[in-house]
Amino acid sequence: MSAATAFDKELDARGLSCPLPILRAKKALAELASGEVLKIVCTDPGSIRDFKAFAKQTGNELLAQQTEGELFLHFIRRR
């Protein structure tokens, strides 16, 4: 999946550390329809591990994770 991947909503979680990016992502996903994609932008390196676990626990699909400099991008499709 490339950086130009289509998404329906973007969540800016820069400067936040666990568990805030996960909590905000959960709220944002609740506002999306099934099948829509949420892009989350984080600065917390632990978010890579956190979003893998979050997707597994919630049944949402983790489409991709990318690192761009100090940013960690996560793409999650709502179940």
N, C-alpha and C. Protein backbone atom coordinates (compact mmCIF):
# COMPACT_ATOMS: atom_id res chain seq x y z
N MET A 1 0.85 -1.18 0.00
CA MET A 1 0.00 0.00 0.00
C MET A 1 0.89 1.23 0.00
N SER A 2 0.64 2.16 -0.88
CA SER A 2 1.48 3.35 -1.00
C SER A 2 0.96 4.49 -0.14
N ALA A 3 1.76 5.54 -0.03
CA ALA A 3 1.36 6.71 0.76
C ALA A 3 0.13 7.37 0.13
N ALA A 4 -0.10 7.09 -1.14
CA ALA A 4 -1.24 7.68 -1.83
C ALA A 4 -2.50 6.81 -1.68
N THR A 5 -2.46 5.88 -0.75
CA THR A 5 -3.60 5.00 -0.51
C THR A 5 -4.84 5.82 -0.18
N ALA A 6 -5.94 5.41 -0.76
CA ALA A 6 -7.20 6.12 -0.50
C ALA A 6 -7.66 5.86 0.92
N PHE A 7 -8.17 6.91 1.55
CA PHE A 7 -8.74 6.78 2.89
C PHE A 7 -9.93 7.73 2.98
N ASP A 8 -10.82 7.44 3.92
CA ASP A 8 -12.04 8.22 4.06
C ASP A 8 -11.93 9.30 5.12
N LYS A 9 -11.06 9.08 6.10
CA LYS A 9 -10.91 10.04 7.20
C LYS A 9 -9.48 9.96 7.71
N GLU A 10 -8.93 11.11 8.11
CA GLU A 10 -7.58 11.13 8.68
C GLU A 10 -7.64 11.61 10.12
N LEU A 11 -6.89 10.92 10.97
CA LEU A 11 -6.80 11.28 12.39
C LEU A 11 -5.37 11.71 12.68
N ASP A 12 -5.21 12.93 13.17
CA ASP A 12 -3.89 13.44 13.53
C ASP A 12 -3.65 13.17 15.01
N ALA A 13 -2.78 12.20 15.30
CA ALA A 13 -2.48 11.85 16.69
C ALA A 13 -1.02 12.18 17.02
N ARG A 14 -0.46 13.14 16.29
CA ARG A 14 0.93 13.55 16.53
C ARG A 14 1.06 14.14 17.93
N GLY A 15 2.14 13.76 18.60
CA GLY A 15 2.41 14.28 19.93
C GLY A 15 1.69 13.54 21.04
N LEU A 16 0.84 12.61 20.69
CA LEU A 16 0.11 11.83 21.70
C LEU A 16 0.79 10.49 21.92
N SER A 17 0.77 10.01 23.16
CA SER A 17 1.30 8.68 23.42
C SER A 17 0.21 7.77 23.94
N CYS A 18 0.49 6.49 23.90
CA CYS A 18 -0.46 5.46 24.29
C CYS A 18 -1.08 5.79 25.66
N PRO A 19 -2.36 5.67 25.81
CA PRO A 19 -3.34 5.04 24.92
C PRO A 19 -4.13 6.02 24.06
N LEU A 20 -3.76 7.31 24.07
CA LEU A 20 -4.58 8.30 23.37
C LEU A 20 -4.77 8.06 21.87
N PRO A 21 -3.72 7.70 21.10
CA PRO A 21 -3.98 7.43 19.67
C PRO A 21 -5.01 6.31 19.45
N ILE A 22 -4.93 5.27 20.27
CA ILE A 22 -5.88 4.15 20.16
C ILE A 22 -7.30 4.61 20.50
N LEU A 23 -7.43 5.36 21.58
CA LEU A 23 -8.76 5.83 22.00
C LEU A 23 -9.37 6.75 20.95
N ARG A 24 -8.58 7.63 20.38
CA ARG A 24 -9.09 8.54 19.34
C ARG A 24 -9.42 7.78 18.06
N ALA A 25 -8.62 6.76 17.75
CA ALA A 25 -8.90 5.95 16.56
C ALA A 25 -10.20 5.17 16.74
N LYS A 26 -10.41 4.65 17.93
CA LYS A 26 -11.64 3.91 18.22
C LYS A 26 -12.86 4.80 18.00
N LYS A 27 -12.78 6.04 18.48
CA LYS A 27 -13.88 6.99 18.33
C LYS A 27 -14.08 7.35 16.85
N ALA A 28 -12.98 7.58 16.14
CA ALA A 28 -13.07 7.94 14.71
C ALA A 28 -13.64 6.79 13.89
N LEU A 29 -13.23 5.56 14.19
CA LEU A 29 -13.75 4.40 13.46
C LEU A 29 -15.26 4.25 13.67
N ALA A 30 -15.73 4.59 14.86
CA ALA A 30 -17.16 4.48 15.16
C ALA A 30 -17.98 5.42 14.28
N GLU A 31 -17.35 6.48 13.78
CA GLU A 31 -18.05 7.45 12.93
C GLU A 31 -18.03 7.05 11.45
N LEU A 32 -17.27 6.01 11.12
CA LEU A 32 -17.16 5.55 9.74
C LEU A 32 -18.13 4.40 9.47
N ALA A 33 -18.49 4.26 8.21
CA ALA A 33 -19.32 3.12 7.80
C ALA A 33 -18.42 1.90 7.60
N SER A 34 -19.01 0.74 7.66
CA SER A 34 -18.28 -0.50 7.44
C SER A 34 -17.57 -0.46 6.09
N GLY A 35 -16.28 -0.82 6.08
CA GLY A 35 -15.51 -0.83 4.84
C GLY A 35 -14.73 0.45 4.58
N GLU A 36 -15.04 1.52 5.31
CA GLU A 36 -14.31 2.76 5.11
C GLU A 36 -12.95 2.68 5.81
N VAL A 37 -12.01 3.51 5.34
CA VAL A 37 -10.63 3.44 5.82
C VAL A 37 -10.26 4.69 6.61
N LEU A 38 -9.63 4.46 7.77
CA LEU A 38 -9.14 5.54 8.62
C LEU A 38 -7.62 5.56 8.53
N LYS A 39 -7.06 6.74 8.27
CA LYS A 39 -5.61 6.93 8.28
C LYS A 39 -5.26 7.62 9.60
N ILE A 40 -4.32 7.04 10.35
CA ILE A 40 -3.89 7.63 11.62
C ILE A 40 -2.43 8.04 11.49
N VAL A 41 -2.13 9.28 11.84
CA VAL A 41 -0.76 9.80 11.79
C VAL A 41 -0.28 9.98 13.23
N CYS A 42 0.79 9.25 13.60
CA CYS A 42 1.32 9.27 14.97
C CYS A 42 2.80 9.62 14.98
N THR A 43 3.27 10.05 16.15
CA THR A 43 4.70 10.24 16.37
C THR A 43 5.23 9.24 17.40
N ASP A 44 4.37 8.47 18.00
CA ASP A 44 4.75 7.48 19.02
C ASP A 44 5.20 6.19 18.34
N PRO A 45 6.50 5.81 18.47
CA PRO A 45 6.96 4.57 17.84
C PRO A 45 6.22 3.33 18.35
N GLY A 46 5.72 3.38 19.56
CA GLY A 46 4.96 2.26 20.11
C GLY A 46 3.62 2.05 19.41
N SER A 47 3.21 3.03 18.60
CA SER A 47 1.92 2.91 17.91
C SER A 47 1.92 1.76 16.91
N ILE A 48 3.08 1.38 16.40
CA ILE A 48 3.14 0.26 15.45
C ILE A 48 2.62 -1.00 16.13
N ARG A 49 3.15 -1.30 17.28
CA ARG A 49 2.73 -2.47 18.06
C ARG A 49 1.28 -2.30 18.53
N ASP A 50 0.96 -1.09 19.00
CA ASP A 50 -0.38 -0.84 19.56
C ASP A 50 -1.49 -1.04 18.52
N PHE A 51 -1.28 -0.55 17.30
CA PHE A 51 -2.34 -0.67 16.30
C PHE A 51 -2.46 -2.10 15.75
N LYS A 52 -1.36 -2.86 15.76
CA LYS A 52 -1.47 -4.28 15.40
C LYS A 52 -2.37 -4.99 16.40
N ALA A 53 -2.14 -4.75 17.68
CA ALA A 53 -2.95 -5.38 18.73
C ALA A 53 -4.39 -4.88 18.68
N PHE A 54 -4.58 -3.59 18.46
CA PHE A 54 -5.91 -3.00 18.39
C PHE A 54 -6.73 -3.64 17.27
N ALA A 55 -6.13 -3.78 16.09
CA ALA A 55 -6.85 -4.38 14.95
C ALA A 55 -7.23 -5.82 15.26
N LYS A 56 -6.31 -6.55 15.85
CA LYS A 56 -6.57 -7.96 16.17
C LYS A 56 -7.71 -8.09 17.19
N GLN A 57 -7.71 -7.22 18.19
CA GLN A 57 -8.72 -7.29 19.25
C GLN A 57 -10.09 -6.83 18.79
N THR A 58 -10.14 -5.86 17.86
CA THR A 58 -11.42 -5.28 17.46
C THR A 58 -12.00 -5.90 16.19
N GLY A 59 -11.19 -6.64 15.44
CA GLY A 59 -11.68 -7.23 14.20
C GLY A 59 -11.63 -6.28 13.02
N ASN A 60 -11.08 -5.08 13.23
CA ASN A 60 -10.88 -4.16 12.11
C ASN A 60 -9.62 -4.60 11.37
N GLU A 61 -9.53 -4.29 10.07
CA GLU A 61 -8.42 -4.76 9.26
C GLU A 61 -7.31 -3.71 9.19
N LEU A 62 -6.12 -4.09 9.63
CA LEU A 62 -4.95 -3.21 9.51
C LEU A 62 -4.41 -3.39 8.10
N LEU A 63 -4.63 -2.40 7.25
CA LEU A 63 -4.25 -2.51 5.84
C LEU A 63 -2.77 -2.28 5.63
N ALA A 64 -2.20 -1.30 6.34
CA ALA A 64 -0.79 -0.96 6.14
C ALA A 64 -0.29 -0.14 7.31
N GLN A 65 1.03 -0.20 7.50
CA GLN A 65 1.72 0.66 8.44
C GLN A 65 2.97 1.15 7.73
N GLN A 66 3.21 2.46 7.80
CA GLN A 66 4.36 3.04 7.12
C GLN A 66 5.08 3.99 8.07
N THR A 67 6.38 4.13 7.84
CA THR A 67 7.17 5.10 8.59
C THR A 67 7.69 6.12 7.59
N GLU A 68 7.42 7.39 7.88
CA GLU A 68 7.90 8.48 7.04
C GLU A 68 8.62 9.46 7.96
N GLY A 69 9.93 9.32 8.04
CA GLY A 69 10.71 10.16 8.96
C GLY A 69 10.31 9.83 10.39
N GLU A 70 9.81 10.83 11.10
CA GLU A 70 9.40 10.62 12.49
C GLU A 70 7.90 10.31 12.61
N LEU A 71 7.23 10.15 11.48
CA LEU A 71 5.80 9.87 11.48
C LEU A 71 5.53 8.39 11.23
N PHE A 72 4.54 7.89 11.92
CA PHE A 72 4.09 6.51 11.76
C PHE A 72 2.66 6.57 11.25
N LEU A 73 2.43 6.00 10.07
CA LEU A 73 1.11 6.04 9.44
C LEU A 73 0.46 4.65 9.52
N HIS A 74 -0.81 4.65 9.89
CA HIS A 74 -1.56 3.41 10.02
C HIS A 74 -2.85 3.56 9.22
N PHE A 75 -3.19 2.52 8.46
CA PHE A 75 -4.42 2.52 7.68
C PHE A 75 -5.28 1.35 8.16
N ILE A 76 -6.45 1.67 8.67
CA ILE A 76 -7.34 0.63 9.24
C ILE A 76 -8.70 0.70 8.55
N ARG A 77 -9.17 -0.46 8.06
CA ARG A 77 -10.50 -0.55 7.46
C ARG A 77 -11.49 -1.00 8.53
N ARG A 78 -12.57 -0.25 8.65
CA ARG A 78 -13.59 -0.60 9.64
C ARG A 78 -14.30 -1.87 9.23
N ARG A 79 -14.52 -2.74 10.22
CA ARG A 79 -15.21 -4.02 9.95
C ARG A 79 -16.68 -3.80 9.71
